[in-house]
């Protein structure tokens, strides 16, 4: 079981010394809660556009959606070939872009699934190491988790599993029991709780965080309605975003709270993510 002290060590390990000392580091900690963004929020933008958007909004913490560095529009076989052959210096250059912008790259979001070969899994961890992150978040399955465990332990990288709301598929991370089964597989496994999907599956994220906070590294913030309802602009769904943020503030839980813009907004992604960030600021005022 992870303790708050363990999580603190993981948090510091994700920060290179150059970033810790950088004068221009963007500080998006509000009321003691570290707010950032999943780069999927800017999925229509190239990598440089993501960095520009986060800088403009003032978000200093990022979880990198792997398609932002992978080739687009290629076959599954070609994507696998790229993952196995990409020079790691190219991946290291991605980290430098974030460092130069004053943004801490905390985690790589690489969603291992049953189609991954063993070599592909191993190289995924190599990519994480090249990015100098100690956390991989993964929209994965329980069967894949069993295969991933040895590599997480080999590379000493935490894999935090991201949940969705498909409670009918027992292989998916959608229920508290699914997360608990994964945690029992490896000491290198943790939770990336998407509070919107959790609510859509009719679970209570506030209570889950209270009872599982020692295992939760990252939260994804979004608003959805219950009973498999849609994504909504923040404040219009059933997800207790404010209560979750206030819980983190009160209890000083060290987990990241990352905006994941997924609803159909009235404007561009920068404007909508800024609205979400303002919502966080108001909740934590």
Protein backbone atom coordinates (compact mmCIF):
# COMPACT_ATOMS: atom_id res chain seq x y z
CA UNK A 1 0.00 0.00 0.00
CA UNK A 2 1.27 3.46 -0.87
CA UNK A 3 1.52 6.13 1.81
CA UNK A 4 1.40 9.90 1.43
CA UNK A 5 5.17 9.90 1.85
CA UNK A 6 5.53 7.40 -1.01
CA UNK A 7 3.34 9.57 -3.24
CA UNK A 8 5.48 12.58 -2.37
CA UNK A 9 8.57 10.71 -3.48
CA UNK A 10 6.88 9.76 -6.75
CA UNK A 11 5.86 13.38 -7.30
CA UNK A 12 9.40 14.65 -6.78
CA UNK A 13 10.87 11.88 -8.92
CA UNK A 14 8.80 13.17 -11.83
CA UNK A 15 10.51 16.55 -11.65
CA UNK A 16 14.00 16.95 -13.11
CA UNK A 17 16.30 19.28 -11.17
CA UNK A 18 16.33 21.77 -14.05
CA UNK A 19 12.56 22.06 -13.84
CA UNK A 20 12.50 22.35 -10.07
CA UNK A 21 14.92 25.27 -10.30
CA UNK A 22 13.42 26.94 -13.34
CA UNK A 23 12.37 30.51 -12.63
CA UNK A 24 9.61 30.41 -15.21
CA UNK A 25 7.91 27.25 -13.95
CA UNK A 26 4.17 27.72 -14.35
CA UNK A 27 2.48 27.34 -10.97
CA UNK A 28 -1.09 26.07 -11.25
CA UNK A 29 -1.45 24.90 -7.66
CA UNK A 30 -4.64 26.36 -6.16
CA UNK A 31 -5.27 26.08 -2.44
CA UNK A 32 -2.67 23.33 -2.21
CA UNK A 33 -4.28 21.30 -5.02
CA UNK A 34 -2.15 20.77 -8.12
CA UNK A 35 -4.31 21.42 -11.18
CA UNK A 36 -3.15 20.46 -14.65
CA UNK A 37 -4.46 19.05 -17.91
CA UNK A 38 -4.57 15.81 -19.86
CA UNK A 39 -3.26 16.81 -23.28
CA UNK A 40 -6.24 14.96 -24.79
CA UNK A 41 -8.13 18.15 -23.88
CA UNK A 42 -6.34 19.71 -26.88
CA UNK A 43 -6.63 16.66 -29.12
CA UNK A 44 -7.13 18.74 -32.28
CA UNK A 45 -3.77 20.47 -31.78
CA UNK A 46 -0.24 19.30 -32.53
CA UNK A 47 2.20 18.97 -29.65
CA UNK A 48 3.50 22.53 -29.95
CA UNK A 49 -0.09 23.77 -29.94
CA UNK A 50 -0.76 21.86 -26.71
CA UNK A 51 2.20 23.52 -25.02
CA UNK A 52 1.16 26.94 -26.30
CA UNK A 53 -2.41 26.39 -25.06
CA UNK A 54 -1.32 25.31 -21.60
CA UNK A 55 1.03 28.27 -21.34
CA UNK A 56 -1.73 30.67 -22.38
CA UNK A 57 -4.15 29.22 -19.81
CA UNK A 58 -1.54 29.02 -17.06
CA UNK A 59 -1.52 25.26 -16.47
CA UNK A 60 1.82 23.91 -15.34
CA UNK A 61 1.18 20.16 -15.07
CA UNK A 62 0.57 17.79 -17.99
CA UNK A 63 -0.29 14.17 -18.64
CA UNK A 64 0.78 13.48 -22.21
CA UNK A 65 -1.73 11.69 -24.47
CA UNK A 66 0.46 9.34 -26.54
CA UNK A 67 -1.13 10.25 -29.92
CA UNK A 68 0.39 13.70 -29.47
CA UNK A 69 3.81 12.17 -30.15
CA UNK A 70 2.84 9.18 -32.30
CA UNK A 71 2.30 9.23 -36.08
CA UNK A 72 -1.27 9.90 -37.14
CA UNK A 73 -3.34 8.04 -39.71
CA UNK A 74 -1.18 4.91 -39.82
CA UNK A 75 -2.13 1.25 -39.58
CA UNK A 76 -1.85 -0.68 -36.33
CA UNK A 77 1.18 -2.54 -37.68
CA UNK A 78 2.90 0.71 -38.68
CA UNK A 79 2.18 2.23 -35.28
CA UNK A 80 3.76 -0.80 -33.62
CA UNK A 81 6.80 -0.49 -35.89
CA UNK A 82 7.17 3.18 -34.96
CA UNK A 83 6.98 2.40 -31.25
CA UNK A 84 9.69 -0.23 -31.60
CA UNK A 85 12.05 1.86 -33.71
CA UNK A 86 11.60 5.52 -32.76
CA UNK A 87 14.94 6.97 -31.58
CA UNK A 88 14.65 7.76 -27.90
CA UNK A 89 16.43 11.06 -28.51
CA UNK A 90 13.24 12.16 -30.30
CA UNK A 91 11.25 11.32 -27.19
CA UNK A 92 13.74 13.13 -24.96
CA UNK A 93 13.27 16.22 -27.15
CA UNK A 94 9.56 16.19 -26.29
CA UNK A 95 10.41 16.48 -22.60
CA UNK A 96 12.70 19.40 -23.32
CA UNK A 97 9.86 21.29 -25.00
CA UNK A 98 7.76 21.03 -21.85
CA UNK A 99 10.70 21.96 -19.62
CA UNK A 100 11.49 25.00 -21.75
CA UNK A 101 7.86 26.14 -21.45
CA UNK A 102 7.87 25.77 -17.66
CA UNK A 103 5.39 22.88 -17.73
CA UNK A 104 6.03 19.74 -15.71
CA UNK A 105 5.40 16.58 -17.70
CA UNK A 106 4.12 14.26 -14.98
CA UNK A 107 2.89 11.17 -16.82
CA UNK A 108 2.70 9.46 -20.19
CA UNK A 109 -0.76 8.24 -21.11
CA UNK A 110 -0.11 5.01 -23.03
CA UNK A 111 -3.13 2.73 -23.15
CA UNK A 112 -1.81 -0.82 -23.19
CA UNK A 113 -4.30 -3.31 -24.55
CA UNK A 114 -4.38 -6.94 -25.56
CA UNK A 115 -3.01 -6.15 -29.03
CA UNK A 116 0.35 -5.01 -27.60
CA UNK A 117 3.24 -7.41 -28.07
CA UNK A 118 5.64 -7.98 -25.18
CA UNK A 119 8.29 -5.97 -27.01
CA UNK A 120 5.83 -3.13 -27.54
CA UNK A 121 5.02 -3.05 -23.83
CA UNK A 122 8.71 -2.97 -22.95
CA UNK A 123 9.39 -0.13 -25.38
CA UNK A 124 6.45 1.79 -23.93
CA UNK A 125 8.29 1.88 -20.63
CA UNK A 126 11.46 2.93 -22.47
CA UNK A 127 9.50 5.89 -23.84
CA UNK A 128 8.38 6.83 -20.34
CA UNK A 129 11.96 6.72 -19.12
CA UNK A 130 13.07 8.87 -22.07
CA UNK A 131 10.41 11.41 -21.09
CA UNK A 132 11.73 11.25 -17.50
CA UNK A 133 8.32 10.42 -16.07
CA UNK A 134 7.79 7.86 -13.33
CA UNK A 135 4.10 7.33 -14.08
CA UNK A 136 2.25 5.82 -17.04
CA UNK A 137 -1.52 6.20 -17.09
CA UNK A 138 -3.38 3.57 -19.06
CA UNK A 139 -6.92 3.00 -20.29
CA UNK A 140 -6.43 -0.73 -20.21
CA UNK A 141 -8.00 -4.03 -19.22
CA UNK A 142 -7.49 -6.44 -16.38
CA UNK A 143 -6.07 -9.06 -18.73
CA UNK A 144 -3.53 -6.55 -20.02
CA UNK A 145 -2.68 -5.50 -16.47
CA UNK A 146 -1.46 -9.01 -15.67
CA UNK A 147 0.97 -8.81 -18.60
CA UNK A 148 2.13 -5.28 -17.75
CA UNK A 149 3.10 -5.99 -14.13
CA UNK A 150 6.57 -7.50 -14.78
CA UNK A 151 7.62 -4.53 -16.92
CA UNK A 152 6.38 -1.99 -14.40
CA UNK A 153 8.49 -3.72 -11.78
CA UNK A 154 11.48 -4.07 -14.11
CA UNK A 155 11.50 -0.36 -15.01
CA UNK A 156 10.35 0.86 -11.57
CA UNK A 157 7.54 2.86 -13.17
CA UNK A 158 4.06 3.21 -11.67
CA UNK A 159 1.13 2.31 -13.93
CA UNK A 160 -2.06 4.13 -12.92
CA UNK A 161 -5.12 2.57 -14.51
CA UNK A 162 -7.77 4.87 -15.93
CA UNK A 163 -11.41 3.89 -15.66
CA UNK A 164 -14.39 4.30 -17.95
CA UNK A 165 -18.06 3.52 -17.33
CA UNK A 166 -18.64 0.18 -19.09
CA UNK A 167 -19.79 -1.79 -16.06
CA UNK A 168 -21.12 -4.62 -18.25
CA UNK A 169 -17.62 -5.73 -19.27
CA UNK A 170 -15.82 -7.32 -16.28
CA UNK A 171 -12.47 -6.86 -18.04
CA UNK A 172 -12.80 -3.06 -17.99
CA UNK A 173 -11.79 -0.65 -15.24
CA UNK A 174 -15.25 0.64 -14.41
CA UNK A 175 -16.04 -0.63 -10.91
CA UNK A 176 -14.30 -0.31 -7.54
CA UNK A 177 -13.77 -4.07 -7.61
CA UNK A 178 -11.87 -3.89 -10.92
CA UNK A 179 -9.44 -1.33 -9.51
CA UNK A 180 -8.96 -3.43 -6.38
CA UNK A 181 -8.18 -6.52 -8.46
CA UNK A 182 -5.48 -4.62 -10.33
CA UNK A 183 -3.95 -3.20 -7.16
CA UNK A 184 -3.52 -6.75 -5.87
CA UNK A 185 -1.47 -7.69 -8.95
CA UNK A 186 1.56 -5.45 -8.36
CA UNK A 187 2.95 -2.87 -5.92
CA UNK A 188 3.66 -0.75 -9.01
CA UNK A 189 -0.04 -0.40 -9.86
CA UNK A 190 -2.13 2.62 -8.88
CA UNK A 191 -5.35 4.38 -9.88
CA UNK A 192 -6.08 7.18 -12.34
CA UNK A 193 -9.67 7.93 -11.34
CA UNK A 194 -11.86 9.65 -13.91
CA UNK A 195 -14.52 11.15 -11.67
CA UNK A 196 -16.92 11.83 -14.55
CA UNK A 197 -16.90 8.26 -15.84
CA UNK A 198 -17.14 7.00 -12.26
CA UNK A 199 -20.33 9.00 -11.74
CA UNK A 200 -21.75 7.84 -15.09
CA UNK A 201 -21.30 4.29 -13.78
CA UNK A 202 -23.33 5.34 -10.70
CA UNK A 203 -20.48 5.34 -8.19
CA UNK A 204 -19.53 8.06 -5.70
CA UNK A 205 -16.05 9.50 -6.36
CA UNK A 206 -15.92 11.37 -3.05
CA UNK A 207 -16.34 8.20 -1.01
CA UNK A 208 -14.01 6.24 -3.29
CA UNK A 209 -11.28 8.86 -2.91
CA UNK A 210 -11.67 8.84 0.87
CA UNK A 211 -11.21 5.07 1.05
CA UNK A 212 -8.62 4.64 -1.73
CA UNK A 213 -6.62 7.88 -1.63
CA UNK A 214 -3.39 6.05 -0.84
CA UNK A 215 -3.61 4.35 -4.24
CA UNK A 216 -4.82 7.28 -6.37
CA UNK A 217 -2.11 9.24 -8.18
CA UNK A 218 -4.15 11.15 -10.73
CA UNK A 219 -7.73 12.38 -11.07
CA UNK A 220 -9.33 13.26 -14.38
CA UNK A 221 -11.83 16.05 -13.93
CA UNK A 222 -14.91 16.10 -16.13
CA UNK A 223 -18.67 16.35 -15.64
CA UNK A 224 -21.04 13.58 -16.69
CA UNK A 225 -24.58 12.64 -15.79
CA UNK A 226 -25.44 9.46 -13.95
CA UNK A 227 -26.84 6.31 -15.62
CA UNK A 228 -24.29 6.42 -18.47
CA UNK A 229 -25.23 10.01 -19.18
CA UNK A 230 -23.34 12.37 -21.50
CA UNK A 231 -20.43 14.69 -20.86
CA UNK A 232 -21.66 18.16 -19.98
CA UNK A 233 -20.16 21.59 -19.41
CA UNK A 234 -18.91 21.71 -15.84
CA UNK A 235 -21.66 22.32 -13.32
CA UNK A 236 -24.42 20.93 -15.55
CA UNK A 237 -23.91 17.23 -14.85
CA UNK A 238 -24.01 15.05 -11.74
CA UNK A 239 -20.28 14.89 -11.01
CA UNK A 240 -19.30 16.51 -7.68
CA UNK A 241 -16.24 18.31 -9.05
CA UNK A 242 -16.29 21.03 -6.38
CA UNK A 243 -16.69 18.55 -3.55
CA UNK A 244 -13.81 16.45 -4.88
CA UNK A 245 -11.50 19.45 -5.14
CA UNK A 246 -12.49 20.66 -1.69
CA UNK A 247 -11.78 17.18 -0.30
CA UNK A 248 -8.28 17.26 -1.79
CA UNK A 249 -7.72 20.69 -0.28
CA UNK A 250 -9.03 19.73 3.16
CA UNK A 251 -7.20 16.41 3.44
CA UNK A 252 -4.06 17.57 1.59
CA UNK A 253 -4.15 14.52 -0.65
CA UNK A 254 -1.12 14.69 -2.99
CA UNK A 255 -2.87 13.43 -6.13
CA UNK A 256 -2.90 15.52 -9.31
CA UNK A 257 -6.26 16.89 -10.49
CA UNK A 258 -6.12 17.10 -14.27
CA UNK A 259 -8.71 18.77 -16.48
CA UNK A 260 -9.89 16.51 -19.30
CA UNK A 261 -12.06 18.58 -21.60
CA UNK A 262 -14.41 16.19 -23.36
CA UNK A 263 -17.84 17.82 -23.60
CA UNK A 264 -19.06 19.54 -26.76
CA UNK A 265 -18.11 23.13 -26.05
CA UNK A 266 -19.44 26.29 -27.58
CA UNK A 267 -15.95 27.56 -28.33
CA UNK A 268 -12.40 26.35 -28.98
CA UNK A 269 -10.51 24.06 -26.61
CA UNK A 270 -8.38 26.83 -25.12
CA UNK A 271 -11.46 28.84 -24.16
CA UNK A 272 -13.26 25.79 -22.76
CA UNK A 273 -10.29 24.51 -20.75
CA UNK A 274 -9.82 28.00 -19.33
CA UNK A 275 -13.46 27.87 -18.19
CA UNK A 276 -12.72 24.57 -16.48
CA UNK A 277 -9.63 26.03 -14.79
CA UNK A 278 -11.67 29.01 -13.60
CA UNK A 279 -14.21 26.54 -12.19
CA UNK A 280 -11.40 24.89 -10.21
CA UNK A 281 -10.20 28.24 -8.90
CA UNK A 282 -13.70 29.13 -7.73
CA UNK A 283 -14.15 25.75 -6.05
CA UNK A 284 -10.87 26.13 -4.18
CA UNK A 285 -11.20 29.82 -3.28
